[in-house]
Amino acid sequence: MVEIGEEHVYTIPLRGAKNAPRWERSKKAVKEVFKYLEQHTKTDRKMIKVDPKISEKIWERGSEKPPSKIRVKAMKFEDGIVEAELAAK
């Protein structure tokens, strides 16, 4: 559970995208990032703001070959907004 003002680093598994058709795997992987953050930060999808670098990382190898997992740093603010960015290794 993320408390107000706390910062967490999540390793989000994207293997569920393998069940999608080959040409839609990266698109589904982006949706899985939102779904994971929605569940783990206990906030609405509309309140989640994702840095474009996360999408770039997922789409880096095209629509057919997204990474199997991605590390994301998420910060939840007092007003309920969650901001996510790519975590450094």
PDB file of N, CA and C in Angstrom:
ATOM      1  N   MET A   1       0.834  -1.185   0.000  1.00  0.00           N
ATOM      2  CA  MET A   1       0.000   0.000   0.000  1.00  0.00           C
ATOM      3  C   MET A   1       0.877   1.246   0.000  1.00  0.00           C
ATOM      4  N   VAL A   2       0.527   2.194  -0.830  1.00  0.00           N
ATOM      5  CA  VAL A   2       1.280   3.434  -0.923  1.00  0.00           C
ATOM      6  C   VAL A   2       0.583   4.487  -0.080  1.00  0.00           C
ATOM      7  N   GLU A   3       1.329   5.066   0.837  1.00  0.00           N
ATOM      8  CA  GLU A   3       0.757   6.130   1.653  1.00  0.00           C
ATOM      9  C   GLU A   3       1.003   7.466   0.969  1.00  0.00           C
ATOM     10  N   ILE A   4       0.339   8.466   1.431  1.00  0.00           N
ATOM     11  CA  ILE A   4       0.413   9.782   0.805  1.00  0.00           C
ATOM     12  C   ILE A   4       1.847  10.300   0.848  1.00  0.00           C
ATOM     13  N   GLY A   5       2.362  10.717  -0.294  1.00  0.00           N
ATOM     14  CA  GLY A   5       3.688  11.279  -0.378  1.00  0.00           C
ATOM     15  C   GLY A   5       4.804  10.251  -0.408  1.00  0.00           C
ATOM     16  N   GLU A   6       4.458   8.978  -0.447  1.00  0.00           N
ATOM     17  CA  GLU A   6       5.476   7.940  -0.454  1.00  0.00           C
ATOM     18  C   GLU A   6       5.866   7.581  -1.880  1.00  0.00           C
ATOM     19  N   GLU A   7       7.077   7.160  -2.031  1.00  0.00           N
ATOM     20  CA  GLU A   7       7.613   6.803  -3.335  1.00  0.00           C
ATOM     21  C   GLU A   7       7.987   5.323  -3.315  1.00  0.00           C
ATOM     22  N   HIS A   8       7.564   4.582  -4.322  1.00  0.00           N
ATOM     23  CA  HIS A   8       7.857   3.160  -4.413  1.00  0.00           C
ATOM     24  C   HIS A   8       8.408   2.833  -5.788  1.00  0.00           C
ATOM     25  N   VAL A   9       9.258   1.820  -5.833  1.00  0.00           N
ATOM     26  CA  VAL A   9       9.755   1.302  -7.099  1.00  0.00           C
ATOM     27  C   VAL A   9       9.104  -0.061  -7.307  1.00  0.00           C
ATOM     28  N   TYR A  10       8.406  -0.206  -8.418  1.00  0.00           N
ATOM     29  CA  TYR A  10       7.713  -1.444  -8.741  1.00  0.00           C
ATOM     30  C   TYR A  10       8.374  -2.099  -9.950  1.00  0.00           C
ATOM     31  N   THR A  11       8.470  -3.423  -9.931  1.00  0.00           N
ATOM     32  CA  THR A  11       8.861  -4.182 -11.103  1.00  0.00           C
ATOM     33  C   THR A  11       7.574  -4.766 -11.663  1.00  0.00           C
ATOM     34  N   ILE A  12       7.129  -4.242 -12.780  1.00  0.00           N
ATOM     35  CA  ILE A  12       5.842  -4.619 -13.349  1.00  0.00           C
ATOM     36  C   ILE A  12       6.047  -5.723 -14.386  1.00  0.00           C
ATOM     37  N   PRO A  13       5.459  -6.910 -14.164  1.00  0.00           N
ATOM     38  CA  PRO A  13       5.573  -7.980 -15.164  1.00  0.00           C
ATOM     39  C   PRO A  13       4.674  -7.687 -16.359  1.00  0.00           C
ATOM     40  N   LEU A  14       5.215  -7.838 -17.550  1.00  0.00           N
ATOM     41  CA  LEU A  14       4.453  -7.571 -18.765  1.00  0.00           C
ATOM     42  C   LEU A  14       4.251  -8.847 -19.582  1.00  0.00           C
ATOM     43  N   ARG A  15       4.425  -9.996 -18.954  1.00  0.00           N
ATOM     44  CA  ARG A  15       4.304 -11.261 -19.668  1.00  0.00           C
ATOM     45  C   ARG A  15       2.879 -11.540 -20.127  1.00  0.00           C
ATOM     46  N   GLY A  16       1.883 -10.885 -19.516  1.00  0.00           N
ATOM     47  CA  GLY A  16       0.500 -11.076 -19.932  1.00  0.00           C
ATOM     48  C   GLY A  16       0.249 -10.593 -21.349  1.00  0.00           C
ATOM     49  N   ALA A  17       1.131  -9.742 -21.845  1.00  0.00           N
ATOM     50  CA  ALA A  17       0.986  -9.232 -23.210  1.00  0.00           C
ATOM     51  C   ALA A  17       1.251 -10.331 -24.236  1.00  0.00           C
ATOM     52  N   LYS A  18       1.851 -11.421 -23.813  1.00  0.00           N
ATOM     53  CA  LYS A  18       2.133 -12.526 -24.732  1.00  0.00           C
ATOM     54  C   LYS A  18       0.846 -13.207 -25.190  1.00  0.00           C
ATOM     55  N   ASN A  19      -0.266 -13.004 -24.462  1.00  0.00           N
ATOM     56  CA  ASN A  19      -1.535 -13.612 -24.842  1.00  0.00           C
ATOM     57  C   ASN A  19      -2.248 -12.819 -25.935  1.00  0.00           C
ATOM     58  N   ALA A  20      -1.781 -11.638 -26.227  1.00  0.00           N
ATOM     59  CA  ALA A  20      -2.388 -10.792 -27.262  1.00  0.00           C
ATOM     60  C   ALA A  20      -1.829 -11.204 -28.626  1.00  0.00           C
ATOM     61  N   PRO A  21      -2.517 -10.831 -29.697  1.00  0.00           N
ATOM     62  CA  PRO A  21      -1.942 -11.065 -31.030  1.00  0.00           C
ATOM     63  C   PRO A  21      -0.584 -10.371 -31.141  1.00  0.00           C
ATOM     64  N   ARG A  22       0.274 -10.909 -31.944  1.00  0.00           N
ATOM     65  CA  ARG A  22       1.657 -10.440 -32.012  1.00  0.00           C
ATOM     66  C   ARG A  22       1.768  -8.944 -32.276  1.00  0.00           C
ATOM     67  N   TRP A  23       0.919  -8.401 -33.140  1.00  0.00           N
ATOM     68  CA  TRP A  23       1.012  -6.989 -33.519  1.00  0.00           C
ATOM     69  C   TRP A  23       0.412  -6.043 -32.480  1.00  0.00           C
ATOM     70  N   GLU A  24      -0.185  -6.571 -31.406  1.00  0.00           N
ATOM     71  CA  GLU A  24      -0.789  -5.734 -30.370  1.00  0.00           C
ATOM     72  C   GLU A  24      -0.129  -5.900 -29.005  1.00  0.00           C
ATOM     73  N   ARG A  25       0.995  -6.559 -28.918  1.00  0.00           N
ATOM     74  CA  ARG A  25       1.597  -6.878 -27.619  1.00  0.00           C
ATOM     75  C   ARG A  25       2.076  -5.648 -26.859  1.00  0.00           C
ATOM     76  N   SER A  26       2.708  -4.715 -27.519  1.00  0.00           N
ATOM     77  CA  SER A  26       3.176  -3.514 -26.823  1.00  0.00           C
ATOM     78  C   SER A  26       2.010  -2.657 -26.366  1.00  0.00           C
ATOM     79  N   LYS A  27       0.966  -2.606 -27.171  1.00  0.00           N
ATOM     80  CA  LYS A  27      -0.227  -1.851 -26.799  1.00  0.00           C
ATOM     81  C   LYS A  27      -0.845  -2.429 -25.526  1.00  0.00           C
ATOM     82  N   LYS A  28      -0.900  -3.754 -25.433  1.00  0.00           N
ATOM     83  CA  LYS A  28      -1.449  -4.397 -24.241  1.00  0.00           C
ATOM     84  C   LYS A  28      -0.513  -4.215 -23.047  1.00  0.00           C
ATOM     85  N   ALA A  29       0.797  -4.198 -23.282  1.00  0.00           N
ATOM     86  CA  ALA A  29       1.764  -4.012 -22.200  1.00  0.00           C
ATOM     87  C   ALA A  29       1.588  -2.633 -21.551  1.00  0.00           C
ATOM     88  N   VAL A  30       1.307  -1.602 -22.334  1.00  0.00           N
ATOM     89  CA  VAL A  30       1.074  -0.264 -21.785  1.00  0.00           C
ATOM     90  C   VAL A  30      -0.176  -0.285 -20.904  1.00  0.00           C
ATOM     91  N   LYS A  31      -1.218  -0.983 -21.345  1.00  0.00           N
ATOM     92  CA  LYS A  31      -2.436  -1.102 -20.547  1.00  0.00           C
ATOM     93  C   LYS A  31      -2.160  -1.831 -19.235  1.00  0.00           C
ATOM     94  N   GLU A  32      -1.270  -2.818 -19.268  1.00  0.00           N
ATOM     95  CA  GLU A  32      -0.932  -3.564 -18.059  1.00  0.00           C
ATOM     96  C   GLU A  32      -0.201  -2.692 -17.045  1.00  0.00           C
ATOM     97  N   VAL A  33       0.585  -1.728 -17.508  1.00  0.00           N
ATOM     98  CA  VAL A  33       1.258  -0.801 -16.601  1.00  0.00           C
ATOM     99  C   VAL A  33       0.212   0.001 -15.823  1.00  0.00           C
ATOM    100  N   PHE A  34      -0.784   0.516 -16.533  1.00  0.00           N
ATOM    101  CA  PHE A  34      -1.850   1.269 -15.869  1.00  0.00           C
ATOM    102  C   PHE A  34      -2.623   0.379 -14.896  1.00  0.00           C
ATOM    103  N   LYS A  35      -2.941  -0.826 -15.314  1.00  0.00           N
ATOM    104  CA  LYS A  35      -3.714  -1.743 -14.473  1.00  0.00           C
ATOM    105  C   LYS A  35      -2.945  -2.073 -13.189  1.00  0.00           C
ATOM    106  N   TYR A  36      -1.653  -2.337 -13.311  1.00  0.00           N
ATOM    107  CA  TYR A  36      -0.813  -2.666 -12.161  1.00  0.00           C
ATOM    108  C   TYR A  36      -0.752  -1.488 -11.181  1.00  0.00           C
ATOM    109  N   LEU A  37      -0.520  -0.291 -11.711  1.00  0.00           N
ATOM    110  CA  LEU A  37      -0.430   0.888 -10.845  1.00  0.00           C
ATOM    111  C   LEU A  37      -1.780   1.193 -10.199  1.00  0.00           C
ATOM    112  N   GLU A  38      -2.853   0.960 -10.921  1.00  0.00           N
ATOM    113  CA  GLU A  38      -4.191   1.179 -10.378  1.00  0.00           C
ATOM    114  C   GLU A  38      -4.437   0.272  -9.173  1.00  0.00           C
ATOM    115  N   GLN A  39      -4.040  -0.987  -9.278  1.00  0.00           N
ATOM    116  CA  GLN A  39      -4.239  -1.942  -8.183  1.00  0.00           C
ATOM    117  C   GLN A  39      -3.330  -1.656  -6.997  1.00  0.00           C
ATOM    118  N   HIS A  40      -2.061  -1.368  -7.258  1.00  0.00           N
ATOM    119  CA  HIS A  40      -1.090  -1.258  -6.179  1.00  0.00           C
ATOM    120  C   HIS A  40      -1.077   0.092  -5.479  1.00  0.00           C
ATOM    121  N   THR A  41      -1.581   1.128  -6.133  1.00  0.00           N
ATOM    122  CA  THR A  41      -1.640   2.438  -5.483  1.00  0.00           C
ATOM    123  C   THR A  41      -3.052   2.759  -5.007  1.00  0.00           C
ATOM    124  N   LYS A  42      -3.995   1.876  -5.318  1.00  0.00           N
ATOM    125  CA  LYS A  42      -5.396   2.029  -4.916  1.00  0.00           C
ATOM    126  C   LYS A  42      -5.961   3.384  -5.339  1.00  0.00           C
ATOM    127  N   THR A  43      -5.814   3.667  -6.610  1.00  0.00           N
ATOM    128  CA  THR A  43      -6.324   4.907  -7.167  1.00  0.00           C
ATOM    129  C   THR A  43      -6.995   4.635  -8.504  1.00  0.00           C
ATOM    130  N   ASP A  44      -7.767   5.592  -8.988  1.00  0.00           N
ATOM    131  CA  ASP A  44      -8.473   5.460 -10.247  1.00  0.00           C
ATOM    132  C   ASP A  44      -7.510   5.649 -11.417  1.00  0.00           C
ATOM    133  N   ARG A  45      -7.811   5.013 -12.539  1.00  0.00           N
ATOM    134  CA  ARG A  45      -6.956   5.098 -13.717  1.00  0.00           C
ATOM    135  C   ARG A  45      -6.805   6.533 -14.232  1.00  0.00           C
ATOM    136  N   LYS A  46      -7.838   7.345 -14.048  1.00  0.00           N
ATOM    137  CA  LYS A  46      -7.802   8.734 -14.509  1.00  0.00           C
ATOM    138  C   LYS A  46      -6.819   9.576 -13.708  1.00  0.00           C
ATOM    139  N   MET A  47      -6.462   9.121 -12.529  1.00  0.00           N
ATOM    140  CA  MET A  47      -5.567   9.871 -11.642  1.00  0.00           C
ATOM    141  C   MET A  47      -4.096   9.469 -11.826  1.00  0.00           C
ATOM    142  N   ILE A  48      -3.809   8.555 -12.748  1.00  0.00           N
ATOM    143  CA  ILE A  48      -2.444   8.076 -12.959  1.00  0.00           C
ATOM    144  C   ILE A  48      -1.839   8.800 -14.159  1.00  0.00           C
ATOM    145  N   LYS A  49      -0.674   9.406 -13.941  1.00  0.00           N
ATOM    146  CA  LYS A  49       0.053  10.087 -15.003  1.00  0.00           C
ATOM    147  C   LYS A  49       1.367   9.338 -15.225  1.00  0.00           C
ATOM    148  N   VAL A  50       1.552   8.857 -16.437  1.00  0.00           N
ATOM    149  CA  VAL A  50       2.721   8.050 -16.779  1.00  0.00           C
ATOM    150  C   VAL A  50       3.649   8.865 -17.661  1.00  0.00           C
ATOM    151  N   ASP A  51       4.928   8.834 -17.330  1.00  0.00           N
ATOM    152  CA  ASP A  51       5.945   9.523 -18.109  1.00  0.00           C
ATOM    153  C   ASP A  51       6.046   8.888 -19.505  1.00  0.00           C
ATOM    154  N   PRO A  52       6.175   9.677 -20.556  1.00  0.00           N
ATOM    155  CA  PRO A  52       6.289   9.115 -21.916  1.00  0.00           C
ATOM    156  C   PRO A  52       7.479   8.174 -22.091  1.00  0.00           C
ATOM    157  N   LYS A  53       8.498   8.278 -21.253  1.00  0.00           N
ATOM    158  CA  LYS A  53       9.664   7.394 -21.372  1.00  0.00           C
ATOM    159  C   LYS A  53       9.298   5.934 -21.112  1.00  0.00           C
ATOM    160  N   ILE A  54       8.249   5.697 -20.305  1.00  0.00           N
ATOM    161  CA  ILE A  54       7.798   4.325 -20.052  1.00  0.00           C
ATOM    162  C   ILE A  54       7.255   3.732 -21.345  1.00  0.00           C
ATOM    163  N   SER A  55       6.437   4.491 -22.050  1.00  0.00           N
ATOM    164  CA  SER A  55       5.891   4.015 -23.330  1.00  0.00           C
ATOM    165  C   SER A  55       7.001   3.811 -24.350  1.00  0.00           C
ATOM    166  N   GLU A  56       7.965   4.730 -24.373  1.00  0.00           N
ATOM    167  CA  GLU A  56       9.082   4.602 -25.307  1.00  0.00           C
ATOM    168  C   GLU A  56       9.878   3.332 -25.038  1.00  0.00           C
ATOM    169  N   LYS A  57      10.070   3.006 -23.769  1.00  0.00           N
ATOM    170  CA  LYS A  57      10.811   1.802 -23.395  1.00  0.00           C
ATOM    171  C   LYS A  57      10.058   0.551 -23.842  1.00  0.00           C
ATOM    172  N   ILE A  58       8.733   0.549 -23.669  1.00  0.00           N
ATOM    173  CA  ILE A  58       7.935  -0.608 -24.068  1.00  0.00           C
ATOM    174  C   ILE A  58       7.920  -0.763 -25.589  1.00  0.00           C
ATOM    175  N   TRP A  59       7.796   0.338 -26.316  1.00  0.00           N
ATOM    176  CA  TRP A  59       7.709   0.307 -27.768  1.00  0.00           C
ATOM    177  C   TRP A  59       9.081   0.287 -28.451  1.00  0.00           C
ATOM    178  N   GLU A  60      10.159   0.284 -27.663  1.00  0.00           N
ATOM    179  CA  GLU A  60      11.524   0.371 -28.178  1.00  0.00           C
ATOM    180  C   GLU A  60      11.827  -0.662 -29.273  1.00  0.00           C
ATOM    181  N   ARG A  61      11.348  -1.884 -29.090  1.00  0.00           N
ATOM    182  CA  ARG A  61      11.622  -2.956 -30.055  1.00  0.00           C
ATOM    183  C   ARG A  61      10.426  -3.244 -30.966  1.00  0.00           C
ATOM    184  N   GLY A  62       9.493  -2.323 -31.021  1.00  0.00           N
ATOM    185  CA  GLY A  62       8.349  -2.474 -31.906  1.00  0.00           C
ATOM    186  C   GLY A  62       7.127  -3.016 -31.182  1.00  0.00           C
ATOM    187  N   SER A  63       6.071  -3.237 -31.941  1.00  0.00           N
ATOM    188  CA  SER A  63       4.812  -3.661 -31.345  1.00  0.00           C
ATOM    189  C   SER A  63       4.780  -5.144 -31.014  1.00  0.00           C
ATOM    190  N   GLU A  64       5.672  -5.925 -31.589  1.00  0.00           N
ATOM    191  CA  GLU A  64       5.637  -7.375 -31.399  1.00  0.00           C
ATOM    192  C   GLU A  64       6.504  -7.885 -30.259  1.00  0.00           C
ATOM    193  N   LYS A  65       7.456  -7.085 -29.782  1.00  0.00           N
ATOM    194  CA  LYS A  65       8.406  -7.591 -28.783  1.00  0.00           C
ATOM    195  C   LYS A  65       8.587  -6.637 -27.606  1.00  0.00           C
ATOM    196  N   PRO A  66       7.573  -6.494 -26.756  1.00  0.00           N
ATOM    197  CA  PRO A  66       7.755  -5.652 -25.563  1.00  0.00           C
ATOM    198  C   PRO A  66       8.650  -6.371 -24.548  1.00  0.00           C
ATOM    199  N   PRO A  67       9.252  -5.644 -23.618  1.00  0.00           N
ATOM    200  CA  PRO A  67      10.063  -6.308 -22.594  1.00  0.00           C
ATOM    201  C   PRO A  67       9.178  -7.169 -21.693  1.00  0.00           C
ATOM    202  N   SER A  68       9.775  -8.157 -21.024  1.00  0.00           N
ATOM    203  CA  SER A  68       8.990  -9.044 -20.162  1.00  0.00           C
ATOM    204  C   SER A  68       8.660  -8.396 -18.824  1.00  0.00           C
ATOM    205  N   LYS A  69       9.440  -7.376 -18.437  1.00  0.00           N
ATOM    206  CA  LYS A  69       9.152  -6.634 -17.207  1.00  0.00           C
ATOM    207  C   LYS A  69       9.766  -5.250 -17.317  1.00  0.00           C
ATOM    208  N   ILE A  70       9.284  -4.343 -16.466  1.00  0.00           N
ATOM    209  CA  ILE A  70       9.774  -2.965 -16.494  1.00  0.00           C
ATOM    210  C   ILE A  70       9.770  -2.420 -15.069  1.00  0.00           C
ATOM    211  N   ARG A  71      10.792  -1.639 -14.721  1.00  0.00           N
ATOM    212  CA  ARG A  71      10.871  -1.041 -13.384  1.00  0.00           C
ATOM    213  C   ARG A  71      10.367   0.392 -13.444  1.00  0.00           C
ATOM    214  N   VAL A  72       9.423   0.703 -12.537  1.00  0.00           N
ATOM    215  CA  VAL A  72       8.755   2.000 -12.537  1.00  0.00           C
ATOM    216  C   VAL A  72       8.806   2.582 -11.130  1.00  0.00           C
ATOM    217  N   LYS A  73       9.097   3.885 -11.048  1.00  0.00           N
ATOM    218  CA  LYS A  73       9.057   4.594  -9.771  1.00  0.00           C
ATOM    219  C   LYS A  73       7.763   5.385  -9.722  1.00  0.00           C
ATOM    220  N   ALA A  74       6.932   5.115  -8.702  1.00  0.00           N
ATOM    221  CA  ALA A  74       5.632   5.779  -8.585  1.00  0.00           C
ATOM    222  C   ALA A  74       5.571   6.601  -7.310  1.00  0.00           C
ATOM    223  N   MET A  75       4.973   7.794  -7.428  1.00  0.00           N
ATOM    224  CA  MET A  75       4.832   8.707  -6.297  1.00  0.00           C
ATOM    225  C   MET A  75       3.377   9.123  -6.206  1.00  0.00           C
ATOM    226  N   LYS A  76       2.768   8.932  -5.027  1.00  0.00           N
ATOM    227  CA  LYS A  76       1.370   9.308  -4.821  1.00  0.00           C
ATOM    228  C   LYS A  76       1.330  10.578  -3.982  1.00  0.00           C
ATOM    229  N   PHE A  77       0.576  11.571  -4.456  1.00  0.00           N
ATOM    230  CA  PHE A  77       0.478  12.854  -3.784  1.00  0.00           C
ATOM    231  C   PHE A  77      -0.790  12.938  -2.950  1.00  0.00           C
ATOM    232  N   GLU A  78      -0.893  13.992  -2.159  1.00  0.00           N
ATOM    233  CA  GLU A  78      -2.024  14.168  -1.242  1.00  0.00           C
ATOM    234  C   GLU A  78      -3.371  14.223  -1.956  1.00  0.00           C
ATOM    235  N   ASP A  79      -3.400  14.808  -3.155  1.00  0.00           N
ATOM    236  CA  ASP A  79      -4.664  14.932  -3.879  1.00  0.00           C
ATOM    237  C   ASP A  79      -5.053  13.660  -4.624  1.00  0.00           C
ATOM    238  N   GLY A  80      -4.280  12.583  -4.473  1.00  0.00           N
ATOM    239  CA  GLY A  80      -4.608  11.290  -5.066  1.00  0.00           C
ATOM    240  C   GLY A  80      -3.978  11.024  -6.414  1.00  0.00           C
ATOM    241  N   ILE A  81      -3.268  11.991  -6.962  1.00  0.00           N
ATOM    242  CA  ILE A  81      -2.624  11.809  -8.260  1.00  0.00           C
ATOM    243  C   ILE A  81      -1.364  10.968  -8.090  1.00  0.00           C
ATOM    244  N   VAL A  82      -1.186  10.019  -8.995  1.00  0.00           N
ATOM    245  CA  VAL A  82      -0.009   9.163  -8.999  1.00  0.00           C
ATOM    246  C   VAL A  82       0.811   9.496 -10.242  1.00  0.00           C
ATOM    247  N   GLU A  83       2.084   9.799 -10.054  1.00  0.00           N
ATOM    248  CA  GLU A  83       2.988  10.057 -11.168  1.00  0.00           C
ATOM    249  C   GLU A  83       3.999   8.917 -11.240  1.00  0.00           C
ATOM    250  N   ALA A  84       4.148   8.358 -12.408  1.00  0.00           N
ATOM    251  CA  ALA A  84       5.053   7.233 -12.606  1.00  0.00           C
ATOM    252  C   ALA A  84       6.109   7.601 -13.633  1.00  0.00           C
ATOM    253  N   GLU A  85       7.335   7.181 -13.359  1.00  0.00           N
ATOM    254  CA  GLU A  85       8.426   7.410 -14.296  1.00  0.00           C
ATOM    255  C   GLU A  85       9.313   6.182 -14.310  1.00  0.00           C
ATOM    256  N   LEU A  86      10.128   6.084 -15.336  1.00  0.00           N
ATOM    257  CA  LEU A  86      11.036   4.958 -15.485  1.00  0.00           C
ATOM    258  C   LEU A  86      12.087   5.005 -14.396  1.00  0.00           C
ATOM    259  N   ALA A  87      12.288   3.893 -13.699  1.00  0.00           N
ATOM    260  CA  ALA A  87      13.271   3.841 -12.616  1.00  0.00           C
ATOM    261  C   ALA A  87      14.656   3.570 -13.172  1.00  0.00           C
ATOM    262  N   ALA A  88      15.655   4.201 -12.593  1.00  0.00           N
ATOM    263  CA  ALA A  88      17.040   3.950 -12.987  1.00  0.00           C
ATOM    264  C   ALA A  88      17.470   2.617 -12.418  1.00  0.00           C
ATOM    265  N   LYS A  89      18.358   1.948 -13.121  1.00  0.00           N
ATOM    266  CA  LYS A  89      18.801   0.625 -12.679  1.00  0.00           C
ATOM    267  C   LYS A  89      19.708   0.700 -11.527  1.00  0.00           C
TER     268      LYS A  89
END
